[in-house]
Amino acid sequence: MGCSGISKSQPKPLSSIMSIKLTQSLKKTQSLLSSSRNPSIIADKCLKLKIFPSNLKFLKSSLILPSTPLFIQSFQFTADYNYIKETYTVFISALRYFYDQVHEVCVYDYNIQDGICILLISIYANQAPELSFFESFPFFTLNSPVVTETLSMFKAWEGLIKVVKTIATIKTEKLLKAQLKVQEFSKYLKKNINQYVRQREVAKGLKKTEYAIGIGEYVISETMKIRLQVQSFFSDRALRLNEISSFVEKAKKMRIFSGERIVHTILP
């Protein structure tokens, strides 16, 4: 969708599209009204939330099934189970940190291209920024000093794109193998659960395996989606930079660099 969701056949002003993406409610279902563009009013509506994974219990869990006949057998699948958890933890941490830096929580229907737009607005609002662009990872580098807010946002981006590259180019095959191993154990538990006295413990193990399989699928699909969206964004870089030029000028004049202030002061 790029900075503005612009369709070449039906061009729309960037400012109007980004305004629609600003939310007023916890459900993130409404866009800002033009009468609410006063920064003081917007600040009252800001969703200053820290979003943590809803599956912290899973991330701390173990696949080992003590006090059951499956205790020894469960060890055979623990390494693969843990690999899925660890890969997910690294990915979601990098993703959430970047999202926090670009203030994603107040952007309706957010996607990674919106985050890149906010990052680039912050970078180009600095004095004489120097960037180098590439067709593939890392897509661009920052070669000049910038203010602290911009640097923090860029470091978060660097961390995310590094994780996405690692998973997309190195870890996907191993992650798929780990999923298959855990799936093997999951099928065994499902088939034989009624044979065990401690069915409740076995059922917990089954739930963990099913969740891990879903987590693995999510990481693979999400990293692929991010990679494609980022490639799409930078394949038409000139257009994207032109789209954000008015926002950059406004940010320069107002000396605004943080994701939160760009979302609430520059984009409306």
Foldseek 3Di string as FASTA:
>chain_A
DAQAPADPVHGDASLVRQQQQFAQDQVSPGGDDPVQLPLVSLVVRQDPDQDDDPVVVLLPDFLQQPPWPCRVVSVVLRVLLNVLSVLLVQQVVLVSQLCVQLSVSRTHPDDVNNSVLLLVLLQLLFDPWDKDADLAPPGMDTDDDHDPSSVSNVVSSNSNSVSLCCCQPPVLVVNVVSLVSLVVVLVVLVVCLVVIPPSVSSVVSNVSSVVSNVSSVCSNVVSVVNRVVSSVNSVPVVVSCVSCVVLSVVCNVVVDRTSVCSSSNRSD
